[in-house]
PDB file of N, CA and C in Angstrom:
ATOM      1  N   MET A   1     -10.272 -23.351  -2.050  1.00  0.00           N
ATOM      2  CA  MET A   1      -8.979 -22.716  -1.863  1.00  0.00           C
ATOM      3  C   MET A   1      -9.188 -21.356  -1.204  1.00  0.00           C
ATOM      4  N   SER A   2      -8.376 -21.049  -0.242  1.00  0.00           N
ATOM      5  CA  SER A   2      -8.528 -19.814   0.527  1.00  0.00           C
ATOM      6  C   SER A   2      -7.669 -18.703  -0.064  1.00  0.00           C
ATOM      7  N   ASP A   3      -8.169 -17.465   0.020  1.00  0.00           N
ATOM      8  CA  ASP A   3      -7.400 -16.308  -0.440  1.00  0.00           C
ATOM      9  C   ASP A   3      -6.497 -15.749   0.652  1.00  0.00           C
ATOM     10  N   ALA A   4      -6.575 -16.313   1.849  1.00  0.00           N
ATOM     11  CA  ALA A   4      -5.762 -15.835   2.964  1.00  0.00           C
ATOM     12  C   ALA A   4      -4.285 -16.114   2.693  1.00  0.00           C
ATOM     13  N   VAL A   5      -3.463 -15.150   2.988  1.00  0.00           N
ATOM     14  CA  VAL A   5      -2.021 -15.279   2.789  1.00  0.00           C
ATOM     15  C   VAL A   5      -1.405 -15.793   4.081  1.00  0.00           C
ATOM     16  N   LYS A   6      -0.610 -16.842   3.959  1.00  0.00           N
ATOM     17  CA  LYS A   6       0.067 -17.372   5.138  1.00  0.00           C
ATOM     18  C   LYS A   6       1.120 -16.364   5.592  1.00  0.00           C
ATOM     19  N   PRO A   7       1.194 -16.111   6.884  1.00  0.00           N
ATOM     20  CA  PRO A   7       2.227 -15.181   7.356  1.00  0.00           C
ATOM     21  C   PRO A   7       3.612 -15.776   7.136  1.00  0.00           C
ATOM     22  N   ARG A   8       4.536 -14.922   6.836  1.00  0.00           N
ATOM     23  CA  ARG A   8       5.915 -15.364   6.601  1.00  0.00           C
ATOM     24  C   ARG A   8       6.582 -15.626   7.945  1.00  0.00           C
ATOM     25  N   LEU A   9       7.167 -16.791   8.088  1.00  0.00           N
ATOM     26  CA  LEU A   9       7.902 -17.130   9.300  1.00  0.00           C
ATOM     27  C   LEU A   9       9.396 -16.985   9.030  1.00  0.00           C
ATOM     28  N   VAL A  10      10.076 -16.312   9.941  1.00  0.00           N
ATOM     29  CA  VAL A  10      11.531 -16.165   9.863  1.00  0.00           C
ATOM     30  C   VAL A  10      12.119 -16.638  11.186  1.00  0.00           C
ATOM     31  N   ARG A  11      13.394 -16.832  11.195  1.00  0.00           N
ATOM     32  CA  ARG A  11      14.084 -17.229  12.422  1.00  0.00           C
ATOM     33  C   ARG A  11      14.358 -15.993  13.272  1.00  0.00           C
ATOM     34  N   CYS A  12      13.973 -16.043  14.545  1.00  0.00           N
ATOM     35  CA  CYS A  12      14.242 -14.939  15.473  1.00  0.00           C
ATOM     36  C   CYS A  12      15.764 -14.806  15.608  1.00  0.00           C
ATOM     37  N   PRO A  13      16.319 -13.589  15.408  1.00  0.00           N
ATOM     38  CA  PRO A  13      17.773 -13.424  15.491  1.00  0.00           C
ATOM     39  C   PRO A  13      18.336 -13.692  16.883  1.00  0.00           C
ATOM     40  N   GLN A  14      17.499 -13.648  17.898  1.00  0.00           N
ATOM     41  CA  GLN A  14      17.989 -13.837  19.258  1.00  0.00           C
ATOM     42  C   GLN A  14      17.918 -15.291  19.696  1.00  0.00           C
ATOM     43  N   CYS A  15      16.726 -15.888  19.645  1.00  0.00           N
ATOM     44  CA  CYS A  15      16.549 -17.243  20.183  1.00  0.00           C
ATOM     45  C   CYS A  15      16.535 -18.321  19.118  1.00  0.00           C
ATOM     46  N   GLY A  16      16.356 -17.931  17.845  1.00  0.00           N
ATOM     47  CA  GLY A  16      16.335 -18.903  16.765  1.00  0.00           C
ATOM     48  C   GLY A  16      14.987 -19.554  16.539  1.00  0.00           C
ATOM     49  N   GLY A  17      13.983 -19.168  17.324  1.00  0.00           N
ATOM     50  CA  GLY A  17      12.648 -19.730  17.153  1.00  0.00           C
ATOM     51  C   GLY A  17      11.911 -19.071  15.994  1.00  0.00           C
ATOM     52  N   ASP A  18      10.706 -19.545  15.738  1.00  0.00           N
ATOM     53  CA  ASP A  18       9.880 -18.975  14.669  1.00  0.00           C
ATOM     54  C   ASP A  18       9.381 -17.589  15.075  1.00  0.00           C
ATOM     55  N   SER A  19       9.377 -16.697  14.119  1.00  0.00           N
ATOM     56  CA  SER A  19       8.881 -15.340  14.327  1.00  0.00           C
ATOM     57  C   SER A  19       8.054 -14.951  13.116  1.00  0.00           C
ATOM     58  N   VAL A  20       6.867 -14.412  13.368  1.00  0.00           N
ATOM     59  CA  VAL A  20       6.005 -13.971  12.275  1.00  0.00           C
ATOM     60  C   VAL A  20       6.531 -12.641  11.771  1.00  0.00           C
ATOM     61  N   TYR A  21       6.878 -12.591  10.486  1.00  0.00           N
ATOM     62  CA  TYR A  21       7.381 -11.352   9.891  1.00  0.00           C
ATOM     63  C   TYR A  21       6.227 -10.672   9.171  1.00  0.00           C
ATOM     64  N   ALA A  22       5.468  -9.918   9.948  1.00  0.00           N
ATOM     65  CA  ALA A  22       4.291  -9.231   9.419  1.00  0.00           C
ATOM     66  C   ALA A  22       4.014  -8.016  10.297  1.00  0.00           C
ATOM     67  N   PRO A  23       3.267  -7.040   9.792  1.00  0.00           N
ATOM     68  CA  PRO A  23       2.940  -5.849  10.590  1.00  0.00           C
ATOM     69  C   PRO A  23       2.226  -6.181  11.903  1.00  0.00           C
ATOM     70  N   THR A  24       1.617  -7.352  11.994  1.00  0.00           N
ATOM     71  CA  THR A  24       0.937  -7.729  13.233  1.00  0.00           C
ATOM     72  C   THR A  24       1.913  -8.063  14.360  1.00  0.00           C
ATOM     73  N   ASN A  25       3.162  -8.338  14.036  1.00  0.00           N
ATOM     74  CA  ASN A  25       4.179  -8.625  15.046  1.00  0.00           C
ATOM     75  C   ASN A  25       4.968  -7.347  15.299  1.00  0.00           C
ATOM     76  N   LYS A  26       4.653  -6.650  16.382  1.00  0.00           N
ATOM     77  CA  LYS A  26       5.299  -5.357  16.640  1.00  0.00           C
ATOM     78  C   LYS A  26       6.768  -5.481  17.039  1.00  0.00           C
ATOM     79  N   TRP A  27       7.260  -6.702  17.266  1.00  0.00           N
ATOM     80  CA  TRP A  27       8.670  -6.882  17.634  1.00  0.00           C
ATOM     81  C   TRP A  27       9.495  -7.445  16.487  1.00  0.00           C
ATOM     82  N   ARG A  28       8.916  -7.536  15.289  1.00  0.00           N
ATOM     83  CA  ARG A  28       9.633  -8.169  14.181  1.00  0.00           C
ATOM     84  C   ARG A  28      10.980  -7.513  13.956  1.00  0.00           C
ATOM     85  N   PRO A  29      11.996  -8.201  13.632  1.00  0.00           N
ATOM     86  CA  PRO A  29      12.031  -9.615  13.267  1.00  0.00           C
ATOM     87  C   PRO A  29      12.119 -10.556  14.470  1.00  0.00           C
ATOM     88  N   PHE A  30      12.055 -10.009  15.672  1.00  0.00           N
ATOM     89  CA  PHE A  30      12.126 -10.850  16.865  1.00  0.00           C
ATOM     90  C   PHE A  30      10.777 -11.495  17.133  1.00  0.00           C
ATOM     91  N   CYS A  31      10.789 -12.580  17.915  1.00  0.00           N
ATOM     92  CA  CYS A  31       9.545 -13.288  18.204  1.00  0.00           C
ATOM     93  C   CYS A  31       8.798 -12.674  19.374  1.00  0.00           C
ATOM     94  N   SER A  32       9.502 -11.908  20.205  1.00  0.00           N
ATOM     95  CA  SER A  32       8.866 -11.352  21.398  1.00  0.00           C
ATOM     96  C   SER A  32       9.604 -10.098  21.855  1.00  0.00           C
ATOM     97  N   GLU A  33       8.982  -9.394  22.761  1.00  0.00           N
ATOM     98  CA  GLU A  33       9.624  -8.206  23.336  1.00  0.00           C
ATOM     99  C   GLU A  33      10.879  -8.612  24.112  1.00  0.00           C
ATOM    100  N   ARG A  34      10.839  -9.761  24.760  1.00  0.00           N
ATOM    101  CA  ARG A  34      11.990 -10.239  25.533  1.00  0.00           C
ATOM    102  C   ARG A  34      13.213 -10.396  24.631  1.00  0.00           C
ATOM    103  N   CYS A  35      13.041 -11.069  23.494  1.00  0.00           N
ATOM    104  CA  CYS A  35      14.164 -11.258  22.568  1.00  0.00           C
ATOM    105  C   CYS A  35      14.663  -9.915  22.040  1.00  0.00           C
ATOM    106  N   ARG A  36      13.758  -8.995  21.760  1.00  0.00           N
ATOM    107  CA  ARG A  36      14.142  -7.663  21.287  1.00  0.00           C
ATOM    108  C   ARG A  36      14.973  -6.933  22.336  1.00  0.00           C
ATOM    109  N   GLN A  37      14.554  -7.023  23.589  1.00  0.00           N
ATOM    110  CA  GLN A  37      15.277  -6.349  24.671  1.00  0.00           C
ATOM    111  C   GLN A  37      16.650  -6.979  24.921  1.00  0.00           C
ATOM    112  N   ILE A  38      16.737  -8.294  24.831  1.00  0.00           N
ATOM    113  CA  ILE A  38      18.031  -8.969  24.994  1.00  0.00           C
ATOM    114  C   ILE A  38      19.005  -8.492  23.921  1.00  0.00           C
ATOM    115  N   ASP A  39      18.536  -8.413  22.674  1.00  0.00           N
ATOM    116  CA  ASP A  39      19.380  -7.959  21.573  1.00  0.00           C
ATOM    117  C   ASP A  39      19.800  -6.500  21.776  1.00  0.00           C
ATOM    118  N   LEU A  40      18.872  -5.656  22.164  1.00  0.00           N
ATOM    119  CA  LEU A  40      19.193  -4.247  22.415  1.00  0.00           C
ATOM    120  C   LEU A  40      20.228  -4.121  23.530  1.00  0.00           C
ATOM    121  N   GLY A  41      20.073  -4.909  24.581  1.00  0.00           N
ATOM    122  CA  GLY A  41      21.038  -4.885  25.682  1.00  0.00           C
ATOM    123  C   GLY A  41      22.426  -5.313  25.242  1.00  0.00           C
ATOM    124  N   ALA A  42      22.496  -6.289  24.337  1.00  0.00           N
ATOM    125  CA  ALA A  42      23.798  -6.745  23.830  1.00  0.00           C
ATOM    126  C   ALA A  42      24.486  -5.628  23.044  1.00  0.00           C
ATOM    127  N   TRP A  43      23.714  -4.883  22.234  1.00  0.00           N
ATOM    128  CA  TRP A  43      24.302  -3.756  21.506  1.00  0.00           C
ATOM    129  C   TRP A  43      24.739  -2.664  22.481  1.00  0.00           C
ATOM    130  N   ALA A  44      23.904  -2.372  23.478  1.00  0.00           N
ATOM    131  CA  ALA A  44      24.210  -1.304  24.436  1.00  0.00           C
ATOM    132  C   ALA A  44      25.457  -1.620  25.263  1.00  0.00           C
ATOM    133  N   SER A  45      25.673  -2.902  25.560  1.00  0.00           N
ATOM    134  CA  SER A  45      26.853  -3.291  26.339  1.00  0.00           C
ATOM    135  C   SER A  45      28.062  -3.572  25.453  1.00  0.00           C
ATOM    136  N   GLU A  46      27.914  -3.296  24.161  1.00  0.00           N
ATOM    137  CA  GLU A  46      28.980  -3.480  23.173  1.00  0.00           C
ATOM    138  C   GLU A  46      29.411  -4.930  23.015  1.00  0.00           C
ATOM    139  N   SER A  47      28.472  -5.866  23.230  1.00  0.00           N
ATOM    140  CA  SER A  47      28.767  -7.275  22.980  1.00  0.00           C
ATOM    141  C   SER A  47      28.894  -7.542  21.490  1.00  0.00           C
ATOM    142  N   PHE A  48      28.158  -6.781  20.683  1.00  0.00           N
ATOM    143  CA  PHE A  48      28.261  -6.866  19.230  1.00  0.00           C
ATOM    144  C   PHE A  48      29.195  -5.754  18.772  1.00  0.00           C
ATOM    145  N   ARG A  49      30.118  -6.103  17.921  1.00  0.00           N
ATOM    146  CA  ARG A  49      31.059  -5.098  17.429  1.00  0.00           C
ATOM    147  C   ARG A  49      31.278  -5.287  15.942  1.00  0.00           C
ATOM    148  N   VAL A  50      31.586  -4.213  15.276  1.00  0.00           N
ATOM    149  CA  VAL A  50      31.892  -4.231  13.862  1.00  0.00           C
ATOM    150  C   VAL A  50      33.392  -4.029  13.726  1.00  0.00           C
ATOM    151  N   ALA A  51      34.048  -4.929  13.019  1.00  0.00           N
ATOM    152  CA  ALA A  51      35.499  -4.827  12.847  1.00  0.00           C
ATOM    153  C   ALA A  51      35.841  -3.595  12.019  1.00  0.00           C
ATOM    154  N   ALA A  52      36.874  -2.895  12.444  1.00  0.00           N
ATOM    155  CA  ALA A  52      37.321  -1.700  11.728  1.00  0.00           C
ATOM    156  C   ALA A  52      38.795  -1.476  12.010  1.00  0.00           C
ATOM    157  N   THR A  53      39.454  -0.783  11.115  1.00  0.00           N
ATOM    158  CA  THR A  53      40.848  -0.432  11.360  1.00  0.00           C
ATOM    159  C   THR A  53      40.874   0.783  12.275  1.00  0.00           C
ATOM    160  N   PRO A  54      41.863   0.854  13.152  1.00  0.00           N
ATOM    161  CA  PRO A  54      41.928   2.001  14.044  1.00  0.00           C
ATOM    162  C   PRO A  54      42.191   3.280  13.251  1.00  0.00           C
ATOM    163  N   PRO A  55      41.675   4.387  13.705  1.00  0.00           N
ATOM    164  CA  PRO A  55      41.918   5.653  12.998  1.00  0.00           C
ATOM    165  C   PRO A  55      43.386   6.041  13.078  1.00  0.00           C
ATOM    166  N   GLN A  56      43.818   6.798  12.099  1.00  0.00           N
ATOM    167  CA  GLN A  56      45.205   7.273  12.098  1.00  0.00           C
ATOM    168  C   GLN A  56      45.399   8.282  13.220  1.00  0.00           C
ATOM    169  N   ASP A  57      46.556   8.217  13.852  1.00  0.00           N
ATOM    170  CA  ASP A  57      46.916   9.200  14.863  1.00  0.00           C
ATOM    171  C   ASP A  57      47.454  10.425  14.126  1.00  0.00           C
ATOM    172  N   PRO A  58      46.805  11.586  14.274  1.00  0.00           N
ATOM    173  CA  PRO A  58      47.251  12.782  13.550  1.00  0.00           C
ATOM    174  C   PRO A  58      48.708  13.154  13.834  1.00  0.00           C
ATOM    175  N   ASP A  59      49.229  12.776  15.001  1.00  0.00           N
ATOM    176  CA  ASP A  59      50.618  13.106  15.341  1.00  0.00           C
ATOM    177  C   ASP A  59      51.623  12.258  14.563  1.00  0.00           C
ATOM    178  N   GLU A  60      51.177  11.113  14.033  1.00  0.00           N
ATOM    179  CA  GLU A  60      52.079  10.228  13.300  1.00  0.00           C
ATOM    180  C   GLU A  60      52.001  10.417  11.790  1.00  0.00           C
ATOM    181  N   LEU A  61      51.213  11.345  11.309  1.00  0.00           N
ATOM    182  CA  LEU A  61      51.064  11.560   9.878  1.00  0.00           C
ATOM    183  C   LEU A  61      52.307  12.218   9.295  1.00  0.00           C
ATOM    184  N   ASP A  62      52.696  11.753   8.131  1.00  0.00           N
ATOM    185  CA  ASP A  62      53.811  12.346   7.399  1.00  0.00           C
ATOM    186  C   ASP A  62      53.251  13.538   6.630  1.00  0.00           C
ATOM    187  N   PRO A  63      53.750  14.728   6.851  1.00  0.00           N
ATOM    188  CA  PRO A  63      53.187  15.908   6.171  1.00  0.00           C
ATOM    189  C   PRO A  63      53.317  15.835   4.653  1.00  0.00           C
ATOM    190  N   ASP A  64      54.235  15.002   4.130  1.00  0.00           N
ATOM    191  CA  ASP A  64      54.405  14.890   2.689  1.00  0.00           C
ATOM    192  C   ASP A  64      53.458  13.858   2.065  1.00  0.00           C
ATOM    193  N   GLN A  65      52.750  13.086   2.871  1.00  0.00           N
ATOM    194  CA  GLN A  65      51.843  12.066   2.402  1.00  0.00           C
ATOM    195  C   GLN A  65      50.387  12.527   2.581  1.00  0.00           C
ATOM    196  N   PRO A  66      49.524  12.304   1.580  1.00  0.00           N
ATOM    197  CA  PRO A  66      48.108  12.637   1.770  1.00  0.00           C
ATOM    198  C   PRO A  66      47.486  11.666   2.771  1.00  0.00           C
ATOM    199  N   PRO A  67      46.445  12.071   3.471  1.00  0.00           N
ATOM    200  CA  PRO A  67      45.790  11.165   4.430  1.00  0.00           C
ATOM    201  C   PRO A  67      45.160   9.984   3.705  1.00  0.00           C
ATOM    202  N   ARG A  68      45.110   8.842   4.409  1.00  0.00           N
ATOM    203  CA  ARG A  68      44.493   7.639   3.838  1.00  0.00           C
ATOM    204  C   ARG A  68      42.989   7.829   3.745  1.00  0.00           C
ATOM    205  N   VAL A  69      42.436   7.320   2.668  1.00  0.00           N
ATOM    206  CA  VAL A  69      40.994   7.349   2.487  1.00  0.00           C
ATOM    207  C   VAL A  69      40.496   5.918   2.597  1.00  0.00           C
ATOM    208  N   HIS A  70      39.472   5.686   3.406  1.00  0.00           N
ATOM    209  CA  HIS A  70      38.941   4.320   3.609  1.00  0.00           C
ATOM    210  C   HIS A  70      37.786   4.083   2.711  1.00  0.00           C
TER     211      HIS A  70
END
């Protein structure tokens, strides 16, 4: 029986292929630099977005009402 630890394999968030999740993989959790760059480009071009409510317009606030807290 070997004492070697099998590297943990995870799914690459970009391509869905196997990716080694270990310090030896400098692009983790991605499988390659290419997948990492594609993901970064998607964030930079705002392809990924987080849903949020629009901020209140200060001009529409009722002075008798406290501001909403999210």
